[in-house]
Amino acid sequence: MAHKKLHLPQKICPVCNKPFAWRKKWQRDWDNVIYCSERCKRNKN
């Protein structure tokens, strides 16, 4: 069985500096996604 999730695009969260991968819920808006989670989005300062 092939693992399709190995080659998903990734970004680095500017708040926690951890990599996060593409998710299906972000498929239409991936270019505008900056933070890995709502928690990082709230704590961006």
C-alpha atoms as a PDB file:
ATOM      1  CA  MET A   1       0.000   0.000   0.000  1.00  0.00           C
ATOM      2  CA  ALA A   2       1.419   3.371  -0.987  1.00  0.00           C
ATOM      3  CA  HIS A   3       1.512   6.147   1.577  1.00  0.00           C
ATOM      4  CA  LYS A   4       0.251   9.248  -0.182  1.00  0.00           C
ATOM      5  CA  LYS A   5       0.782  11.560   2.799  1.00  0.00           C
ATOM      6  CA  LEU A   6       4.574  11.441   2.570  1.00  0.00           C
ATOM      7  CA  HIS A   7       4.816  14.174  -0.046  1.00  0.00           C
ATOM      8  CA  LEU A   8       2.470  16.858   1.281  1.00  0.00           C
ATOM      9  CA  PRO A   9       3.648  20.478   1.148  1.00  0.00           C
ATOM     10  CA  GLN A  10       4.894  21.897   4.426  1.00  0.00           C
ATOM     11  CA  LYS A  11       5.320  25.326   6.001  1.00  0.00           C
ATOM     12  CA  ILE A  12       6.997  26.580   9.171  1.00  0.00           C
ATOM     13  CA  CYS A  13       4.816  28.257  11.782  1.00  0.00           C
ATOM     14  CA  PRO A  14       6.290  31.690  12.698  1.00  0.00           C
ATOM     15  CA  VAL A  15       5.069  31.404  16.319  1.00  0.00           C
ATOM     16  CA  CYS A  16       6.216  27.928  17.399  1.00  0.00           C
ATOM     17  CA  ASN A  17       8.808  27.390  14.606  1.00  0.00           C
ATOM     18  CA  LYS A  18       7.543  23.868  13.951  1.00  0.00           C
ATOM     19  CA  PRO A  19       6.735  22.461  10.509  1.00  0.00           C
ATOM     20  CA  PHE A  20       3.123  21.728   9.655  1.00  0.00           C
ATOM     21  CA  ALA A  21       1.758  19.884   6.649  1.00  0.00           C
ATOM     22  CA  TRP A  22      -1.069  20.585   4.230  1.00  0.00           C
ATOM     23  CA  ARG A  23      -4.543  19.572   5.387  1.00  0.00           C
ATOM     24  CA  LYS A  24      -7.621  18.902   3.314  1.00  0.00           C
ATOM     25  CA  LYS A  25      -9.545  21.696   5.064  1.00  0.00           C
ATOM     26  CA  TRP A  26      -6.892  24.154   3.807  1.00  0.00           C
ATOM     27  CA  GLN A  27      -6.985  22.973   0.166  1.00  0.00           C
ATOM     28  CA  ARG A  28      -8.659  26.124  -1.189  1.00  0.00           C
ATOM     29  CA  ASP A  29      -6.724  28.532   1.019  1.00  0.00           C
ATOM     30  CA  TRP A  30      -3.241  26.980   1.424  1.00  0.00           C
ATOM     31  CA  ASP A  31      -1.457  30.077   0.090  1.00  0.00           C
ATOM     32  CA  ASN A  32      -2.981  32.198   2.875  1.00  0.00           C
ATOM     33  CA  VAL A  33      -2.371  29.762   5.748  1.00  0.00           C
ATOM     34  CA  ILE A  34       0.329  31.140   8.051  1.00  0.00           C
ATOM     35  CA  TYR A  35      -0.135  29.502  11.450  1.00  0.00           C
ATOM     36  CA  CYS A  36      -0.258  25.810  12.318  1.00  0.00           C
ATOM     37  CA  SER A  37      -3.166  26.136  14.753  1.00  0.00           C
ATOM     38  CA  GLU A  38      -5.706  28.505  16.254  1.00  0.00           C
ATOM     39  CA  ARG A  39      -3.585  28.610  19.398  1.00  0.00           C
ATOM     40  CA  CYS A  40      -0.592  29.956  17.482  1.00  0.00           C
ATOM     41  CA  LYS A  41      -2.832  32.378  15.636  1.00  0.00           C
ATOM     42  CA  ARG A  42      -4.078  33.794  18.971  1.00  0.00           C
ATOM     43  CA  ASN A  43      -0.554  33.964  20.446  1.00  0.00           C
ATOM     44  CA  LYS A  44       1.117  35.656  17.478  1.00  0.00           C
ATOM     45  CA  ASN A  45       2.358  38.648  19.501  1.00  0.00           C
END
